[in-house]
Amino acid sequence: MIRRSWTPKALEEELKKDGYVRIQFFIAEKLGLTLSDLRNRMTDTELLGWYTYFKIQADEEQAAYDKAKRGRR
């Protein structure tokens, strides 16, 4: 859990260790919300649904890029 008194370095280390908090930051950024807004407005199930959606989108975009790249050779 993120605390207000943490230094940037300590926060960086915590984010590297805590994947769930990183997911929260990722989804908040994607949806244009603050972390507080996200936590107050979204259930864990919805949060993981959004994360899965964005992951699938990124995987499909990468696959299309890789396919196009192979086609140029």
PDB file of N, CA and C in Angstrom:
ATOM      1  N   MET A   1       0.849  -1.191   0.000  1.00  0.00           N
ATOM      2  CA  MET A   1       0.000   0.000   0.000  1.00  0.00           C
ATOM      3  C   MET A   1       0.886   1.242   0.000  1.00  0.00           C
ATOM      4  N   ILE A   2       0.481   2.223  -0.735  1.00  0.00           N
ATOM      5  CA  ILE A   2       1.257   3.454  -0.863  1.00  0.00           C
ATOM      6  C   ILE A   2       0.947   4.388   0.306  1.00  0.00           C
ATOM      7  N   ARG A   3       2.016   4.914   0.898  1.00  0.00           N
ATOM      8  CA  ARG A   3       1.876   5.864   2.006  1.00  0.00           C
ATOM      9  C   ARG A   3       2.387   7.226   1.572  1.00  0.00           C
ATOM     10  N   ARG A   4       1.816   8.262   2.115  1.00  0.00           N
ATOM     11  CA  ARG A   4       2.206   9.629   1.750  1.00  0.00           C
ATOM     12  C   ARG A   4       3.643   9.964   2.133  1.00  0.00           C
ATOM     13  N   SER A   5       4.166   9.329   3.161  1.00  0.00           N
ATOM     14  CA  SER A   5       5.481   9.704   3.678  1.00  0.00           C
ATOM     15  C   SER A   5       6.637   9.031   2.933  1.00  0.00           C
ATOM     16  N   TRP A   6       6.356   8.225   1.938  1.00  0.00           N
ATOM     17  CA  TRP A   6       7.413   7.514   1.233  1.00  0.00           C
ATOM     18  C   TRP A   6       8.209   8.436   0.335  1.00  0.00           C
ATOM     19  N   THR A   7       9.467   8.120   0.201  1.00  0.00           N
ATOM     20  CA  THR A   7      10.322   8.839  -0.739  1.00  0.00           C
ATOM     21  C   THR A   7      10.075   8.277  -2.137  1.00  0.00           C
ATOM     22  N   PRO A   8      10.436   9.038  -3.174  1.00  0.00           N
ATOM     23  CA  PRO A   8      10.257   8.508  -4.535  1.00  0.00           C
ATOM     24  C   PRO A   8      10.965   7.167  -4.745  1.00  0.00           C
ATOM     25  N   LYS A   9      12.145   7.006  -4.198  1.00  0.00           N
ATOM     26  CA  LYS A   9      12.882   5.748  -4.369  1.00  0.00           C
ATOM     27  C   LYS A   9      12.154   4.600  -3.682  1.00  0.00           C
ATOM     28  N   ALA A  10      11.658   4.835  -2.470  1.00  0.00           N
ATOM     29  CA  ALA A  10      10.926   3.798  -1.752  1.00  0.00           C
ATOM     30  C   ALA A  10       9.641   3.437  -2.491  1.00  0.00           C
ATOM     31  N   LEU A  11       8.969   4.436  -3.028  1.00  0.00           N
ATOM     32  CA  LEU A  11       7.756   4.193  -3.793  1.00  0.00           C
ATOM     33  C   LEU A  11       8.064   3.389  -5.052  1.00  0.00           C
ATOM     34  N   GLU A  12       9.150   3.720  -5.714  1.00  0.00           N
ATOM     35  CA  GLU A  12       9.556   2.971  -6.910  1.00  0.00           C
ATOM     36  C   GLU A  12       9.777   1.496  -6.573  1.00  0.00           C
ATOM     37  N   GLU A  13      10.457   1.244  -5.478  1.00  0.00           N
ATOM     38  CA  GLU A  13      10.708  -0.144  -5.068  1.00  0.00           C
ATOM     39  C   GLU A  13       9.401  -0.867  -4.744  1.00  0.00           C
ATOM     40  N   GLU A  14       8.486  -0.181  -4.086  1.00  0.00           N
ATOM     41  CA  GLU A  14       7.198  -0.789  -3.753  1.00  0.00           C
ATOM     42  C   GLU A  14       6.405  -1.115  -5.014  1.00  0.00           C
ATOM     43  N   LEU A  15       6.403  -0.203  -5.979  1.00  0.00           N
ATOM     44  CA  LEU A  15       5.675  -0.449  -7.224  1.00  0.00           C
ATOM     45  C   LEU A  15       6.282  -1.609  -8.009  1.00  0.00           C
ATOM     46  N   LYS A  16       7.581  -1.779  -7.929  1.00  0.00           N
ATOM     47  CA  LYS A  16       8.222  -2.905  -8.593  1.00  0.00           C
ATOM     48  C   LYS A  16       7.791  -4.227  -7.963  1.00  0.00           C
ATOM     49  N   LYS A  17       7.531  -4.215  -6.663  1.00  0.00           N
ATOM     50  CA  LYS A  17       7.154  -5.434  -5.943  1.00  0.00           C
ATOM     51  C   LYS A  17       5.661  -5.727  -6.015  1.00  0.00           C
ATOM     52  N   ASP A  18       4.841  -4.688  -6.052  1.00  0.00           N
ATOM     53  CA  ASP A  18       3.390  -4.856  -5.929  1.00  0.00           C
ATOM     54  C   ASP A  18       2.711  -4.683  -7.286  1.00  0.00           C
ATOM     55  N   GLY A  19       2.513  -5.787  -7.976  1.00  0.00           N
ATOM     56  CA  GLY A  19       1.903  -5.740  -9.301  1.00  0.00           C
ATOM     57  C   GLY A  19       0.489  -5.201  -9.304  1.00  0.00           C
ATOM     58  N   TYR A  20      -0.259  -5.447  -8.228  1.00  0.00           N
ATOM     59  CA  TYR A  20      -1.640  -4.970  -8.189  1.00  0.00           C
ATOM     60  C   TYR A  20      -1.710  -3.444  -8.154  1.00  0.00           C
ATOM     61  N   VAL A  21      -0.826  -2.820  -7.417  1.00  0.00           N
ATOM     62  CA  VAL A  21      -0.797  -1.353  -7.382  1.00  0.00           C
ATOM     63  C   VAL A  21      -0.389  -0.822  -8.751  1.00  0.00           C
ATOM     64  N   ARG A  22       0.545  -1.482  -9.408  1.00  0.00           N
ATOM     65  CA  ARG A  22       0.945  -1.065 -10.760  1.00  0.00           C
ATOM     66  C   ARG A  22      -0.236  -1.157 -11.720  1.00  0.00           C
ATOM     67  N   ILE A  23      -1.033  -2.210 -11.600  1.00  0.00           N
ATOM     68  CA  ILE A  23      -2.230  -2.343 -12.439  1.00  0.00           C
ATOM     69  C   ILE A  23      -3.173  -1.181 -12.169  1.00  0.00           C
ATOM     70  N   GLN A  24      -3.328  -0.813 -10.896  1.00  0.00           N
ATOM     71  CA  GLN A  24      -4.210   0.298 -10.562  1.00  0.00           C
ATOM     72  C   GLN A  24      -3.726   1.599 -11.208  1.00  0.00           C
ATOM     73  N   PHE A  25      -2.434   1.868 -11.131  1.00  0.00           N
ATOM     74  CA  PHE A  25      -1.899   3.069 -11.775  1.00  0.00           C
ATOM     75  C   PHE A  25      -2.117   3.022 -13.289  1.00  0.00           C
ATOM     76  N   PHE A  26      -1.873   1.871 -13.892  1.00  0.00           N
ATOM     77  CA  PHE A  26      -2.035   1.711 -15.339  1.00  0.00           C
ATOM     78  C   PHE A  26      -3.469   2.007 -15.769  1.00  0.00           C
ATOM     79  N   ILE A  27      -4.428   1.394 -15.096  1.00  0.00           N
ATOM     80  CA  ILE A  27      -5.832   1.586 -15.455  1.00  0.00           C
ATOM     81  C   ILE A  27      -6.272   3.018 -15.186  1.00  0.00           C
ATOM     82  N   ALA A  28      -5.852   3.583 -14.070  1.00  0.00           N
ATOM     83  CA  ALA A  28      -6.194   4.979 -13.763  1.00  0.00           C
ATOM     84  C   ALA A  28      -5.681   5.900 -14.866  1.00  0.00           C
ATOM     85  N   GLU A  29      -4.452   5.686 -15.297  1.00  0.00           N
ATOM     86  CA  GLU A  29      -3.888   6.515 -16.366  1.00  0.00           C
ATOM     87  C   GLU A  29      -4.672   6.343 -17.658  1.00  0.00           C
ATOM     88  N   LYS A  30      -4.956   5.102 -18.025  1.00  0.00           N
ATOM     89  CA  LYS A  30      -5.675   4.826 -19.273  1.00  0.00           C
ATOM     90  C   LYS A  30      -7.061   5.458 -19.282  1.00  0.00           C
ATOM     91  N   LEU A  31      -7.731   5.465 -18.131  1.00  0.00           N
ATOM     92  CA  LEU A  31      -9.099   5.978 -18.048  1.00  0.00           C
ATOM     93  C   LEU A  31      -9.174   7.441 -17.635  1.00  0.00           C
ATOM     94  N   GLY A  32      -8.026   8.062 -17.421  1.00  0.00           N
ATOM     95  CA  GLY A  32      -8.011   9.473 -17.051  1.00  0.00           C
ATOM     96  C   GLY A  32      -8.535   9.736 -15.649  1.00  0.00           C
ATOM     97  N   LEU A  33      -8.264   8.818 -14.735  1.00  0.00           N
ATOM     98  CA  LEU A  33      -8.706   8.960 -13.353  1.00  0.00           C
ATOM     99  C   LEU A  33      -7.505   9.116 -12.435  1.00  0.00           C
ATOM    100  N   THR A  34      -7.740   9.696 -11.266  1.00  0.00           N
ATOM    101  CA  THR A  34      -6.700   9.642 -10.240  1.00  0.00           C
ATOM    102  C   THR A  34      -6.767   8.260  -9.600  1.00  0.00           C
ATOM    103  N   LEU A  35      -5.720   7.899  -8.910  1.00  0.00           N
ATOM    104  CA  LEU A  35      -5.713   6.610  -8.226  1.00  0.00           C
ATOM    105  C   LEU A  35      -6.828   6.554  -7.178  1.00  0.00           C
ATOM    106  N   SER A  36      -7.047   7.655  -6.484  1.00  0.00           N
ATOM    107  CA  SER A  36      -8.133   7.706  -5.481  1.00  0.00           C
ATOM    108  C   SER A  36      -9.493   7.510  -6.129  1.00  0.00           C
ATOM    109  N   ASP A  37      -9.720   8.189  -7.259  1.00  0.00           N
ATOM    110  CA  ASP A  37     -10.999   8.024  -7.971  1.00  0.00           C
ATOM    111  C   ASP A  37     -11.204   6.576  -8.389  1.00  0.00           C
ATOM    112  N   LEU A  38     -10.164   5.995  -8.952  1.00  0.00           N
ATOM    113  CA  LEU A  38     -10.266   4.611  -9.407  1.00  0.00           C
ATOM    114  C   LEU A  38     -10.632   3.694  -8.246  1.00  0.00           C
ATOM    115  N   ARG A  39      -9.934   3.837  -7.141  1.00  0.00           N
ATOM    116  CA  ARG A  39     -10.174   2.959  -5.988  1.00  0.00           C
ATOM    117  C   ARG A  39     -11.564   3.151  -5.396  1.00  0.00           C
ATOM    118  N   ASN A  40     -12.091   4.366  -5.464  1.00  0.00           N
ATOM    119  CA  ASN A  40     -13.423   4.632  -4.907  1.00  0.00           C
ATOM    120  C   ASN A  40     -14.552   4.225  -5.840  1.00  0.00           C
ATOM    121  N   ARG A  41     -14.292   4.193  -7.126  1.00  0.00           N
ATOM    122  CA  ARG A  41     -15.363   3.981  -8.103  1.00  0.00           C
ATOM    123  C   ARG A  41     -15.398   2.595  -8.724  1.00  0.00           C
ATOM    124  N   MET A  42     -14.351   1.791  -8.559  1.00  0.00           N
ATOM    125  CA  MET A  42     -14.261   0.554  -9.300  1.00  0.00           C
ATOM    126  C   MET A  42     -14.031  -0.635  -8.368  1.00  0.00           C
ATOM    127  N   THR A  43     -14.757  -1.704  -8.642  1.00  0.00           N
ATOM    128  CA  THR A  43     -14.527  -2.934  -7.889  1.00  0.00           C
ATOM    129  C   THR A  43     -13.258  -3.618  -8.401  1.00  0.00           C
ATOM    130  N   ASP A  44     -12.742  -4.549  -7.612  1.00  0.00           N
ATOM    131  CA  ASP A  44     -11.571  -5.309  -8.049  1.00  0.00           C
ATOM    132  C   ASP A  44     -11.868  -6.094  -9.321  1.00  0.00           C
ATOM    133  N   THR A  45     -13.065  -6.637  -9.422  1.00  0.00           N
ATOM    134  CA  THR A  45     -13.447  -7.404 -10.608  1.00  0.00           C
ATOM    135  C   THR A  45     -13.445  -6.521 -11.845  1.00  0.00           C
ATOM    136  N   GLU A  46     -14.008  -5.325 -11.743  1.00  0.00           N
ATOM    137  CA  GLU A  46     -14.014  -4.410 -12.882  1.00  0.00           C
ATOM    138  C   GLU A  46     -12.598  -3.969 -13.241  1.00  0.00           C
ATOM    139  N   LEU A  47     -11.789  -3.693 -12.235  1.00  0.00           N
ATOM    140  CA  LEU A  47     -10.407  -3.300 -12.464  1.00  0.00           C
ATOM    141  C   LEU A  47      -9.663  -4.381 -13.250  1.00  0.00           C
ATOM    142  N   LEU A  48      -9.795  -5.621 -12.820  1.00  0.00           N
ATOM    143  CA  LEU A  48      -9.119  -6.709 -13.523  1.00  0.00           C
ATOM    144  C   LEU A  48      -9.708  -6.928 -14.907  1.00  0.00           C
ATOM    145  N   GLY A  49     -10.997  -6.653 -15.076  1.00  0.00           N
ATOM    146  CA  GLY A  49     -11.612  -6.714 -16.405  1.00  0.00           C
ATOM    147  C   GLY A  49     -10.996  -5.696 -17.348  1.00  0.00           C
ATOM    148  N   TRP A  50     -10.837  -4.472 -16.876  1.00  0.00           N
ATOM    149  CA  TRP A  50     -10.199  -3.437 -17.698  1.00  0.00           C
ATOM    150  C   TRP A  50      -8.761  -3.805 -18.016  1.00  0.00           C
ATOM    151  N   TYR A  51      -8.038  -4.328 -17.035  1.00  0.00           N
ATOM    152  CA  TYR A  51      -6.652  -4.716 -17.259  1.00  0.00           C
ATOM    153  C   TYR A  51      -6.572  -5.800 -18.333  1.00  0.00           C
ATOM    154  N   THR A  52      -7.444  -6.792 -18.225  1.00  0.00           N
ATOM    155  CA  THR A  52      -7.467  -7.867 -19.216  1.00  0.00           C
ATOM    156  C   THR A  52      -7.795  -7.327 -20.596  1.00  0.00           C
ATOM    157  N   TYR A  53      -8.762  -6.427 -20.671  1.00  0.00           N
ATOM    158  CA  TYR A  53      -9.130  -5.808 -21.947  1.00  0.00           C
ATOM    159  C   TYR A  53      -7.931  -5.097 -22.580  1.00  0.00           C
ATOM    160  N   PHE A  54      -7.243  -4.267 -21.810  1.00  0.00           N
ATOM    161  CA  PHE A  54      -6.094  -3.542 -22.356  1.00  0.00           C
ATOM    162  C   PHE A  54      -4.955  -4.491 -22.722  1.00  0.00           C
ATOM    163  N   LYS A  55      -4.795  -5.566 -21.968  1.00  0.00           N
ATOM    164  CA  LYS A  55      -3.756  -6.557 -22.276  1.00  0.00           C
ATOM    165  C   LYS A  55      -4.058  -7.247 -23.605  1.00  0.00           C
ATOM    166  N   ILE A  56      -5.305  -7.647 -23.809  1.00  0.00           N
ATOM    167  CA  ILE A  56      -5.695  -8.277 -25.076  1.00  0.00           C
ATOM    168  C   ILE A  56      -5.480  -7.312 -26.235  1.00  0.00           C
ATOM    169  N   GLN A  57      -5.873  -6.054 -26.050  1.00  0.00           N
ATOM    170  CA  GLN A  57      -5.675  -5.040 -27.097  1.00  0.00           C
ATOM    171  C   GLN A  57      -4.200  -4.925 -27.460  1.00  0.00           C
ATOM    172  N   ALA A  58      -3.344  -4.845 -26.450  1.00  0.00           N
ATOM    173  CA  ALA A  58      -1.913  -4.705 -26.694  1.00  0.00           C
ATOM    174  C   ALA A  58      -1.353  -5.944 -27.383  1.00  0.00           C
ATOM    175  N   ASP A  59      -1.789  -7.129 -26.966  1.00  0.00           N
ATOM    176  CA  ASP A  59      -1.327  -8.368 -27.595  1.00  0.00           C
ATOM    177  C   ASP A  59      -1.743  -8.428 -29.063  1.00  0.00           C
ATOM    178  N   GLU A  60      -2.977  -8.027 -29.358  1.00  0.00           N
ATOM    179  CA  GLU A  60      -3.454  -8.037 -30.742  1.00  0.00           C
ATOM    180  C   GLU A  60      -2.709  -7.021 -31.598  1.00  0.00           C
ATOM    181  N   GLU A  61      -2.441  -5.850 -31.045  1.00  0.00           N
ATOM    182  CA  GLU A  61      -1.674  -4.844 -31.782  1.00  0.00           C
ATOM    183  C   GLU A  61      -0.255  -5.328 -32.059  1.00  0.00           C
ATOM    184  N   GLN A  62       0.356  -5.981 -31.064  1.00  0.00           N
ATOM    185  CA  GLN A  62       1.707  -6.514 -31.254  1.00  0.00           C
ATOM    186  C   GLN A  62       1.711  -7.605 -32.320  1.00  0.00           C
ATOM    187  N   ALA A  63       0.706  -8.469 -32.307  1.00  0.00           N
ATOM    188  CA  ALA A  63       0.615  -9.543 -33.304  1.00  0.00           C
ATOM    189  C   ALA A  63       0.454  -8.955 -34.703  1.00  0.00           C
ATOM    190  N   ALA A  64      -0.365  -7.919 -34.850  1.00  0.00           N
ATOM    191  CA  ALA A  64      -0.551  -7.274 -36.149  1.00  0.00           C
ATOM    192  C   ALA A  64       0.738  -6.609 -36.611  1.00  0.00           C
ATOM    193  N   TYR A  65       1.439  -5.976 -35.697  1.00  0.00           N
ATOM    194  CA  TYR A  65       2.724  -5.349 -36.023  1.00  0.00           C
ATOM    195  C   TYR A  65       3.733  -6.393 -36.481  1.00  0.00           C
ATOM    196  N   ASP A  66       3.816  -7.500 -35.724  1.00  0.00           N
ATOM    197  CA  ASP A  66       4.744  -8.571 -36.073  1.00  0.00           C
ATOM    198  C   ASP A  66       4.408  -9.177 -37.432  1.00  0.00           C
ATOM    199  N   LYS A  67       3.131  -9.352 -37.715  1.00  0.00           N
ATOM    200  CA  LYS A  67       2.704  -9.898 -39.005  1.00  0.00           C
ATOM    201  C   LYS A  67       3.081  -8.955 -40.144  1.00  0.00           C
ATOM    202  N   ALA A  68       2.833  -7.668 -39.943  1.00  0.00           N
ATOM    203  CA  ALA A  68       3.177  -6.678 -40.972  1.00  0.00           C
ATOM    204  C   ALA A  68       4.684  -6.637 -41.180  1.00  0.00           C
ATOM    205  N   LYS A  69       5.420  -6.739 -40.110  1.00  0.00           N
ATOM    206  CA  LYS A  69       6.884  -6.707 -40.200  1.00  0.00           C
ATOM    207  C   LYS A  69       7.402  -7.908 -40.973  1.00  0.00           C
ATOM    208  N   ARG A  70       6.828  -9.097 -40.736  1.00  0.00           N
ATOM    209  CA  ARG A  70       7.235 -10.293 -41.481  1.00  0.00           C
ATOM    210  C   ARG A  70       6.901 -10.168 -42.960  1.00  0.00           C
ATOM    211  N   GLY A  71       5.793  -9.493 -43.259  1.00  0.00           N
ATOM    212  CA  GLY A  71       5.365  -9.330 -44.650  1.00  0.00           C
ATOM    213  C   GLY A  71       6.269  -8.419 -45.460  1.00  0.00           C
ATOM    214  N   ARG A  72       7.017  -7.571 -44.810  1.00  0.00           N
ATOM    215  CA  ARG A  72       7.904  -6.631 -45.496  1.00  0.00           C
ATOM    216  C   ARG A  72       9.244  -7.243 -45.867  1.00  0.00           C
ATOM    217  N   ARG A  73       9.523  -8.407 -45.389  1.00  0.00           N
ATOM    218  CA  ARG A  73      10.839  -9.017 -45.646  1.00  0.00           C
ATOM    219  C   ARG A  73      10.904  -9.696 -46.957  1.00  0.00           C
TER     220      ARG A  73
END
